Amino acid sequence: MTILVSLFQYADLSGYECKDVGKIEKQNSININIFGYECKSLYPIRISEDKYDDHMEILYITEEAKEKYHYVFIQNFNRLMFNFSNHKETKYFRMRCLHCFSSKNLLERHQPDCFALNGT
């Protein structure tokens, strides 16, 4: 977490909330996407609207009582999502809709459709 604090130029992340992400993105010119995990499903909590070259994905984890929570850096989003599909070769996922594609080309071709269908 110390690396993230220095990266974000944020002195204290305690009390940090999802609504603060936009400010952190602007200060550091980075897209930050936040995902949750519940009932063996991953779901988007916040997908960045900005278009910076750098990006970071974070997993939001809560304990059973939902009184304590943690943010975990997702180092490789496609690797995290690998087991959510029966396709066993390399997979590429669209973070906005979580659809799986067998090639980068198919993923790139889907993006305009995803925007038209989902507005994302």
C-alpha atoms as a PDB file:
ATOM      1  CA  MET A   1       0.000   0.000   0.000  1.00  0.00           C
ATOM      2  CA  THR A   2       2.958   2.339   0.626  1.00  0.00           C
ATOM      3  CA  ILE A   3       3.824   2.171  -3.085  1.00  0.00           C
ATOM      4  CA  LEU A   4       0.270   3.138  -3.986  1.00  0.00           C
ATOM      5  CA  VAL A   5       0.302   6.012  -1.528  1.00  0.00           C
ATOM      6  CA  SER A   6       3.470   7.466  -3.033  1.00  0.00           C
ATOM      7  CA  LEU A   7       2.241   6.777  -6.561  1.00  0.00           C
ATOM      8  CA  PHE A   8      -0.968   8.683  -5.905  1.00  0.00           C
ATOM      9  CA  GLN A   9       0.682  11.484  -3.978  1.00  0.00           C
ATOM     10  CA  TYR A  10      -1.945  10.847  -1.322  1.00  0.00           C
ATOM     11  CA  ALA A  11      -0.697  11.152   2.239  1.00  0.00           C
ATOM     12  CA  ASP A  12      -3.394   9.040   3.904  1.00  0.00           C
ATOM     13  CA  LEU A  13      -5.690   6.442   2.336  1.00  0.00           C
ATOM     14  CA  SER A  14      -7.553   5.644   5.530  1.00  0.00           C
ATOM     15  CA  GLY A  15     -11.098   6.833   5.100  1.00  0.00           C
ATOM     16  CA  TYR A  16     -10.673   6.665   1.331  1.00  0.00           C
ATOM     17  CA  GLU A  17     -13.956   6.119  -0.530  1.00  0.00           C
ATOM     18  CA  CYS A  18     -14.903   5.265  -4.094  1.00  0.00           C
ATOM     19  CA  LYS A  19     -16.105   8.838  -4.662  1.00  0.00           C
ATOM     20  CA  ASP A  20     -12.514  10.058  -4.156  1.00  0.00           C
ATOM     21  CA  VAL A  21     -11.146   8.115  -7.129  1.00  0.00           C
ATOM     22  CA  GLY A  22     -11.875  10.862  -9.667  1.00  0.00           C
ATOM     23  CA  LYS A  23      -9.681  13.282  -7.731  1.00  0.00           C
ATOM     24  CA  ILE A  24      -6.856  10.735  -7.534  1.00  0.00           C
ATOM     25  CA  GLU A  25      -7.166  10.033 -11.279  1.00  0.00           C
ATOM     26  CA  LYS A  26      -6.860  13.706 -12.186  1.00  0.00           C
ATOM     27  CA  GLN A  27      -3.928  14.307  -9.821  1.00  0.00           C
ATOM     28  CA  ASN A  28      -1.988  11.378 -11.304  1.00  0.00           C
ATOM     29  CA  SER A  29      -3.277  11.117 -14.911  1.00  0.00           C
ATOM     30  CA  ILE A  30      -4.291   7.482 -14.472  1.00  0.00           C
ATOM     31  CA  ASN A  31      -7.528   5.545 -15.039  1.00  0.00           C
ATOM     32  CA  ILE A  32      -8.643   3.612 -11.967  1.00  0.00           C
ATOM     33  CA  ASN A  33     -11.223   0.843 -12.239  1.00  0.00           C
ATOM     34  CA  ILE A  34     -12.676  -0.777  -9.118  1.00  0.00           C
ATOM     35  CA  PHE A  35     -14.229  -4.248  -9.017  1.00  0.00           C
ATOM     36  CA  GLY A  36     -16.064  -6.126  -6.297  1.00  0.00           C
ATOM     37  CA  TYR A  37     -16.252  -9.856  -5.631  1.00  0.00           C
ATOM     38  CA  GLU A  38     -19.268 -11.564  -4.112  1.00  0.00           C
ATOM     39  CA  CYS A  39     -20.902 -15.005  -4.455  1.00  0.00           C
ATOM     40  CA  LYS A  40     -18.083 -16.197  -6.755  1.00  0.00           C
ATOM     41  CA  SER A  41     -18.741 -13.329  -9.175  1.00  0.00           C
ATOM     42  CA  LEU A  42     -16.646 -10.340 -10.095  1.00  0.00           C
ATOM     43  CA  TYR A  43     -18.538  -7.143 -10.895  1.00  0.00           C
ATOM     44  CA  PRO A  44     -17.579  -3.566 -11.765  1.00  0.00           C
ATOM     45  CA  ILE A  45     -18.123  -1.000  -9.019  1.00  0.00           C
ATOM     46  CA  ARG A  46     -16.539   1.925 -10.828  1.00  0.00           C
ATOM     47  CA  ILE A  47     -15.163   2.136 -14.361  1.00  0.00           C
ATOM     48  CA  SER A  48     -13.117   5.204 -15.191  1.00  0.00           C
ATOM     49  CA  GLU A  49     -14.621   7.707 -17.604  1.00  0.00           C
ATOM     50  CA  ASP A  50     -11.255   9.366 -18.281  1.00  0.00           C
ATOM     51  CA  LYS A  51      -8.911   8.358 -21.091  1.00  0.00           C
ATOM     52  CA  TYR A  52      -5.383   8.386 -19.666  1.00  0.00           C
ATOM     53  CA  ASP A  53      -2.578   6.192 -21.026  1.00  0.00           C
ATOM     54  CA  ASP A  54      -1.932   4.572 -17.633  1.00  0.00           C
ATOM     55  CA  HIS A  55      -4.507   2.498 -15.810  1.00  0.00           C
ATOM     56  CA  MET A  56      -4.902   0.553 -12.587  1.00  0.00           C
ATOM     57  CA  GLU A  57      -7.445  -2.027 -11.531  1.00  0.00           C
ATOM     58  CA  ILE A  58      -8.377  -2.508  -7.888  1.00  0.00           C
ATOM     59  CA  LEU A  59     -10.395  -5.242  -6.172  1.00  0.00           C
ATOM     60  CA  TYR A  60     -12.627  -4.111  -3.301  1.00  0.00           C
ATOM     61  CA  ILE A  61     -12.985  -6.856  -0.688  1.00  0.00           C
ATOM     62  CA  THR A  62     -15.291  -6.787   2.321  1.00  0.00           C
ATOM     63  CA  GLU A  63     -15.379  -9.143   5.271  1.00  0.00           C
ATOM     64  CA  GLU A  64     -18.568 -11.054   6.034  1.00  0.00           C
ATOM     65  CA  ALA A  65     -19.937  -8.449   8.415  1.00  0.00           C
ATOM     66  CA  LYS A  66     -19.087  -5.805   5.773  1.00  0.00           C
ATOM     67  CA  GLU A  67     -17.677  -3.654   8.546  1.00  0.00           C
ATOM     68  CA  LYS A  68     -14.100  -3.973   7.325  1.00  0.00           C
ATOM     69  CA  TYR A  69     -12.925  -3.575   3.773  1.00  0.00           C
ATOM     70  CA  HIS A  70      -9.704  -3.704   1.804  1.00  0.00           C
ATOM     71  CA  TYR A  71      -8.502  -2.539  -1.591  1.00  0.00           C
ATOM     72  CA  VAL A  72      -6.201  -4.941  -3.442  1.00  0.00           C
ATOM     73  CA  PHE A  73      -4.191  -4.094  -6.548  1.00  0.00           C
ATOM     74  CA  ILE A  74      -5.093  -6.323  -9.536  1.00  0.00           C
ATOM     75  CA  GLN A  75      -1.805  -6.957 -11.273  1.00  0.00           C
ATOM     76  CA  ASN A  76      -3.246  -8.798 -14.298  1.00  0.00           C
ATOM     77  CA  PHE A  77      -6.990  -8.411 -14.929  1.00  0.00           C
ATOM     78  CA  ASN A  78      -7.137 -11.097 -17.645  1.00  0.00           C
ATOM     79  CA  ARG A  79      -5.445 -13.616 -15.350  1.00  0.00           C
ATOM     80  CA  LEU A  80      -7.901 -12.814 -12.554  1.00  0.00           C
ATOM     81  CA  MET A  81     -10.840 -13.351 -14.934  1.00  0.00           C
ATOM     82  CA  PHE A  82      -9.417 -16.522 -16.542  1.00  0.00           C
ATOM     83  CA  ASN A  83     -11.485 -18.991 -14.480  1.00  0.00           C
ATOM     84  CA  PHE A  84     -14.772 -17.206 -15.136  1.00  0.00           C
ATOM     85  CA  SER A  85     -14.920 -18.722 -18.653  1.00  0.00           C
ATOM     86  CA  ASN A  86     -14.689 -22.304 -19.974  1.00  0.00           C
ATOM     87  CA  HIS A  87     -12.336 -21.236 -22.809  1.00  0.00           C
ATOM     88  CA  LYS A  88      -8.896 -22.525 -21.763  1.00  0.00           C
ATOM     89  CA  GLU A  89      -6.637 -20.580 -24.144  1.00  0.00           C
ATOM     90  CA  THR A  90      -5.506 -16.973 -23.677  1.00  0.00           C
ATOM     91  CA  LYS A  91      -8.493 -14.727 -22.966  1.00  0.00           C
ATOM     92  CA  TYR A  92      -9.088 -11.000 -23.251  1.00  0.00           C
ATOM     93  CA  PHE A  93     -11.765  -9.293 -21.201  1.00  0.00           C
ATOM     94  CA  ARG A  94     -13.562  -5.998 -21.688  1.00  0.00           C
ATOM     95  CA  MET A  95     -13.567  -4.364 -18.260  1.00  0.00           C
ATOM     96  CA  ARG A  96     -16.746  -2.394 -18.872  1.00  0.00           C
ATOM     97  CA  CYS A  97     -18.996  -5.384 -19.617  1.00  0.00           C
ATOM     98  CA  LEU A  98     -16.746  -8.283 -18.484  1.00  0.00           C
ATOM     99  CA  HIS A  99     -17.277 -10.173 -21.762  1.00  0.00           C
ATOM    100  CA  CYS A 100     -14.562 -12.651 -22.732  1.00  0.00           C
ATOM    101  CA  PHE A 101     -12.851 -12.775 -26.152  1.00  0.00           C
ATOM    102  CA  SER A 102     -10.401 -15.281 -27.617  1.00  0.00           C
ATOM    103  CA  SER A 103      -8.242 -12.641 -29.313  1.00  0.00           C
ATOM    104  CA  LYS A 104      -7.229  -9.021 -28.893  1.00  0.00           C
ATOM    105  CA  ASN A 105      -8.652  -8.314 -32.345  1.00  0.00           C
ATOM    106  CA  LEU A 106     -12.132  -9.560 -31.322  1.00  0.00           C
ATOM    107  CA  LEU A 107     -11.950  -7.478 -28.142  1.00  0.00           C
ATOM    108  CA  GLU A 108     -11.076  -4.341 -30.125  1.00  0.00           C
ATOM    109  CA  ARG A 109     -13.887  -5.021 -32.613  1.00  0.00           C
ATOM    110  CA  HIS A 110     -16.358  -5.341 -29.712  1.00  0.00           C
ATOM    111  CA  GLN A 111     -15.568  -1.955 -28.151  1.00  0.00           C
ATOM    112  CA  PRO A 112     -17.768   0.176 -30.475  1.00  0.00           C
ATOM    113  CA  ASP A 113     -20.654  -2.286 -30.038  1.00  0.00           C
ATOM    114  CA  CYS A 114     -20.198  -2.271 -26.278  1.00  0.00           C
ATOM    115  CA  PHE A 115     -20.382   1.493 -26.260  1.00  0.00           C
ATOM    116  CA  ALA A 116     -23.498   1.504 -28.469  1.00  0.00           C
ATOM    117  CA  LEU A 117     -25.274  -1.186 -26.433  1.00  0.00           C
ATOM    118  CA  ASN A 118     -24.203  -0.300 -22.905  1.00  0.00           C
ATOM    119  CA  GLY A 119     -23.179   3.325 -23.197  1.00  0.00           C
ATOM    120  CA  THR A 120     -19.790   2.333 -21.795  1.00  0.00           C
END
